[in-house]
């Protein structure tokens, strides 16, 4: 590859990836970049999770491990009188989530850095917490995140997560221990949607 061709190739790799997706009945426009999860389009796990959510117009939601924002921003669009906080431990993800919120005119969504829920203030409390849980984060961080989630949920609030099927038994055990209940909303070939209520 000639030097000029290499420069063009690198410039193309550095450029934002752009795509649109219909999520919860609304079209949203996204920018992402290499290094973020599923940068070229919404992954199947996130789509599956959104397909099993009922969103109230005034939902107070938290998306943890938000990436460039597909879950949280879809909820923000579907909850015009609600609010959504998006958190991630990756500053690049936070940057893109905030840019995508702005590009879609979502004043009710904001993203900030947090390792699990450690930087999330205790108020306001959430009616819905969602996450597309990465498979390799480790059970220790999940234990912290789920216990922190319980402390930040409204009475009657719910947590809904998507995981690979290999984590299904862990999710059932963990949600039952922490929240006192567990519901499997859907199990597909690769992913399971797990939920619990407070």
Protein backbone atom coordinates (compact mmCIF):
# COMPACT_ATOMS: atom_id res chain seq x y z
CA UNK A 1 0.00 0.00 0.00
CA UNK A 2 1.45 3.36 -1.03
CA UNK A 3 1.94 6.08 1.57
CA UNK A 4 -0.91 8.15 0.12
CA UNK A 5 -3.24 5.13 0.18
CA UNK A 6 -2.23 4.40 3.78
CA UNK A 7 -3.06 7.99 4.80
CA UNK A 8 -6.46 7.76 3.13
CA UNK A 9 -7.13 4.42 4.82
CA UNK A 10 -6.20 5.77 8.26
CA UNK A 11 -8.30 8.88 7.71
CA UNK A 12 -11.27 6.66 6.85
CA UNK A 13 -10.73 4.60 10.01
CA UNK A 14 -10.60 7.77 12.14
CA UNK A 15 -13.84 9.15 10.71
CA UNK A 16 -17.01 8.68 12.73
CA UNK A 17 -19.18 5.73 11.77
CA UNK A 18 -22.73 6.96 11.08
CA UNK A 19 -25.99 5.03 10.94
CA UNK A 20 -29.66 5.28 11.84
CA UNK A 21 -31.85 2.73 13.60
CA UNK A 22 -35.51 2.37 14.53
CA UNK A 23 -35.69 1.71 18.27
CA UNK A 24 -38.89 1.64 20.33
CA UNK A 25 -40.76 2.92 17.27
CA UNK A 26 -38.56 5.99 16.75
CA UNK A 27 -35.75 6.62 14.28
CA UNK A 28 -32.50 7.64 15.97
CA UNK A 29 -29.24 8.75 14.38
CA UNK A 30 -25.94 7.58 15.80
CA UNK A 31 -22.26 8.29 15.47
CA UNK A 32 -19.73 5.86 16.86
CA UNK A 33 -16.10 4.91 16.47
CA UNK A 34 -13.84 1.87 16.42
CA UNK A 35 -13.12 0.60 19.93
CA UNK A 36 -16.70 0.99 21.14
CA UNK A 37 -18.98 -2.03 21.32
CA UNK A 38 -20.85 -2.82 18.07
CA UNK A 39 -19.73 0.42 16.37
CA UNK A 40 -21.38 -0.12 12.98
CA UNK A 41 -24.93 -0.83 14.13
CA UNK A 42 -27.16 -1.79 17.05
CA UNK A 43 -26.26 -5.26 18.30
CA UNK A 44 -28.84 -8.05 18.51
CA UNK A 45 -28.79 -8.15 22.32
CA UNK A 46 -29.71 -4.47 22.63
CA UNK A 47 -32.48 -4.83 20.03
CA UNK A 48 -33.85 -7.83 21.91
CA UNK A 49 -33.83 -5.95 25.22
CA UNK A 50 -35.65 -2.95 23.73
CA UNK A 51 -38.25 -5.28 22.19
CA UNK A 52 -39.17 -6.41 25.71
CA UNK A 53 -39.48 -2.99 27.35
CA UNK A 54 -42.62 -0.98 28.00
CA UNK A 55 -41.63 2.64 28.52
CA UNK A 56 -43.76 5.15 30.42
CA UNK A 57 -43.80 8.73 29.10
CA UNK A 58 -42.31 9.94 32.40
CA UNK A 59 -39.81 7.08 32.91
CA UNK A 60 -36.83 7.91 35.14
CA UNK A 61 -34.19 5.59 33.70
CA UNK A 62 -30.54 4.66 34.05
CA UNK A 63 -28.50 2.92 31.34
CA UNK A 64 -25.28 1.50 32.76
CA UNK A 65 -22.51 0.47 30.41
CA UNK A 66 -24.17 2.71 27.84
CA UNK A 67 -21.58 2.63 25.05
CA UNK A 68 -22.55 5.25 22.46
CA UNK A 69 -26.08 5.27 23.90
CA UNK A 70 -28.55 3.08 21.98
CA UNK A 71 -30.51 1.82 25.01
CA UNK A 72 -30.60 5.03 27.02
CA UNK A 73 -31.31 7.31 24.06
CA UNK A 74 -34.07 5.05 22.74
CA UNK A 75 -35.69 5.22 26.19
CA UNK A 76 -35.22 9.02 26.35
CA UNK A 77 -36.95 9.40 22.96
CA UNK A 78 -39.84 7.19 24.12
CA UNK A 79 -40.15 9.07 27.45
CA UNK A 80 -40.49 12.75 26.48
CA UNK A 81 -41.45 13.87 29.99
CA UNK A 82 -38.98 11.51 31.67
CA UNK A 83 -35.22 11.58 32.13
CA UNK A 84 -32.37 9.20 31.41
CA UNK A 85 -28.89 9.06 32.86
CA UNK A 86 -26.31 7.11 30.85
CA UNK A 87 -23.12 5.87 32.48
CA UNK A 88 -20.00 4.10 31.29
CA UNK A 89 -16.42 3.73 32.48
CA UNK A 90 -15.10 4.65 29.00
CA UNK A 91 -14.73 8.39 28.35
CA UNK A 92 -15.01 7.80 24.59
CA UNK A 93 -18.39 6.14 25.10
CA UNK A 94 -19.57 9.06 27.23
CA UNK A 95 -18.43 11.56 24.60
CA UNK A 96 -20.37 9.76 21.87
CA UNK A 97 -23.46 9.26 24.05
CA UNK A 98 -23.64 12.98 24.76
CA UNK A 99 -23.05 13.84 21.09
CA UNK A 100 -25.76 11.41 20.04
CA UNK A 101 -28.19 12.79 22.62
CA UNK A 102 -27.58 16.29 21.26
CA UNK A 103 -27.85 15.20 17.62
CA UNK A 104 -31.23 13.59 18.33
CA UNK A 105 -32.52 16.60 20.31
CA UNK A 106 -32.77 14.62 23.54
CA UNK A 107 -32.49 17.24 26.29
CA UNK A 108 -33.77 14.67 28.80
CA UNK A 109 -30.65 12.46 28.49
CA UNK A 110 -27.15 13.01 29.85
CA UNK A 111 -24.09 10.77 30.04
CA UNK A 112 -21.24 10.76 32.55
CA UNK A 113 -18.37 8.58 33.72
CA UNK A 114 -19.02 5.93 36.36
CA UNK A 115 -17.51 2.55 37.16
CA UNK A 116 -20.70 0.52 37.50
CA UNK A 117 -23.00 2.80 39.56
CA UNK A 118 -20.32 4.24 41.83
CA UNK A 119 -20.68 7.85 40.58
CA UNK A 120 -24.48 7.78 40.37
CA UNK A 121 -26.05 10.08 42.98
CA UNK A 122 -28.64 8.51 45.34
CA UNK A 123 -31.34 10.90 44.07
CA UNK A 124 -33.41 10.96 41.96
CA UNK A 125 -34.40 7.33 42.17
CA UNK A 126 -35.05 5.32 39.03
CA UNK A 127 -38.17 3.57 37.80
CA UNK A 128 -36.10 1.61 35.26
CA UNK A 129 -32.47 0.48 35.08
CA UNK A 130 -31.20 -1.21 31.93
CA UNK A 131 -27.91 -2.69 30.78
CA UNK A 132 -26.41 -4.74 28.02
CA UNK A 133 -24.00 -6.52 30.34
CA UNK A 134 -20.59 -7.41 28.89
CA UNK A 135 -19.72 -11.07 29.33
CA UNK A 136 -16.19 -10.59 30.65
CA UNK A 137 -16.59 -7.89 33.30
CA UNK A 138 -16.65 -10.31 36.22
CA UNK A 139 -19.22 -11.25 38.82
CA UNK A 140 -17.66 -9.03 41.49
CA UNK A 141 -18.51 -5.84 39.59
CA UNK A 142 -21.98 -7.17 38.77
CA UNK A 143 -22.59 -7.83 42.48
CA UNK A 144 -21.64 -4.24 43.29
CA UNK A 145 -23.71 -2.86 40.40
CA UNK A 146 -26.86 -4.80 41.26
CA UNK A 147 -26.70 -3.91 44.96
CA UNK A 148 -26.11 -0.25 44.03
CA UNK A 149 -29.01 -0.45 41.57
CA UNK A 150 -31.32 -1.68 44.32
CA UNK A 151 -30.41 1.34 46.44
CA UNK A 152 -31.24 3.70 43.58
CA UNK A 153 -34.56 2.21 42.45
CA UNK A 154 -38.00 3.55 43.28
CA UNK A 155 -40.45 1.17 44.99
CA UNK A 156 -41.92 -0.78 42.11
CA UNK A 157 -38.93 0.05 39.93
CA UNK A 158 -37.44 -2.58 37.66
CA UNK A 159 -34.08 -3.65 36.35
CA UNK A 160 -33.90 -5.28 32.91
CA UNK A 161 -30.64 -6.59 31.45
CA UNK A 162 -29.50 -8.58 28.46
CA UNK A 163 -26.68 -11.11 28.77
CA UNK A 164 -25.25 -13.96 26.79
CA UNK A 165 -26.99 -17.24 27.63
CA UNK A 166 -23.94 -18.44 29.55
CA UNK A 167 -24.75 -15.92 32.32
CA UNK A 168 -28.41 -16.94 32.61
CA UNK A 169 -28.05 -19.08 35.75
CA UNK A 170 -25.88 -16.45 37.43
CA UNK A 171 -28.45 -13.75 36.67
CA UNK A 172 -31.29 -15.84 38.11
CA UNK A 173 -29.34 -16.56 41.29
CA UNK A 174 -28.05 -12.99 41.65
CA UNK A 175 -31.38 -11.22 41.03
CA UNK A 176 -33.19 -13.62 43.36
CA UNK A 177 -30.63 -13.00 46.14
CA UNK A 178 -30.52 -9.21 45.74
CA UNK A 179 -34.05 -8.25 44.64
CA UNK A 180 -35.99 -11.24 45.94
CA UNK A 181 -37.35 -12.08 42.50
CA UNK A 182 -36.32 -12.92 38.95
CA UNK A 183 -38.14 -13.10 35.64
CA UNK A 184 -36.79 -14.39 32.36
CA UNK A 185 -38.46 -12.19 29.76
CA UNK A 186 -36.95 -13.89 26.73
CA UNK A 187 -34.30 -16.43 25.83
CA UNK A 188 -33.00 -16.55 22.29
CA UNK A 189 -30.22 -18.53 20.64
CA UNK A 190 -27.51 -16.26 22.04
CA UNK A 191 -29.04 -13.83 24.55
CA UNK A 192 -31.33 -13.85 27.58
CA UNK A 193 -33.37 -10.91 28.89
CA UNK A 194 -33.51 -10.99 32.71
CA UNK A 195 -35.59 -8.74 34.94
CA UNK A 196 -36.34 -8.07 38.59
CA UNK A 197 -38.58 -5.64 40.47
CA UNK A 198 -38.10 -3.84 43.74
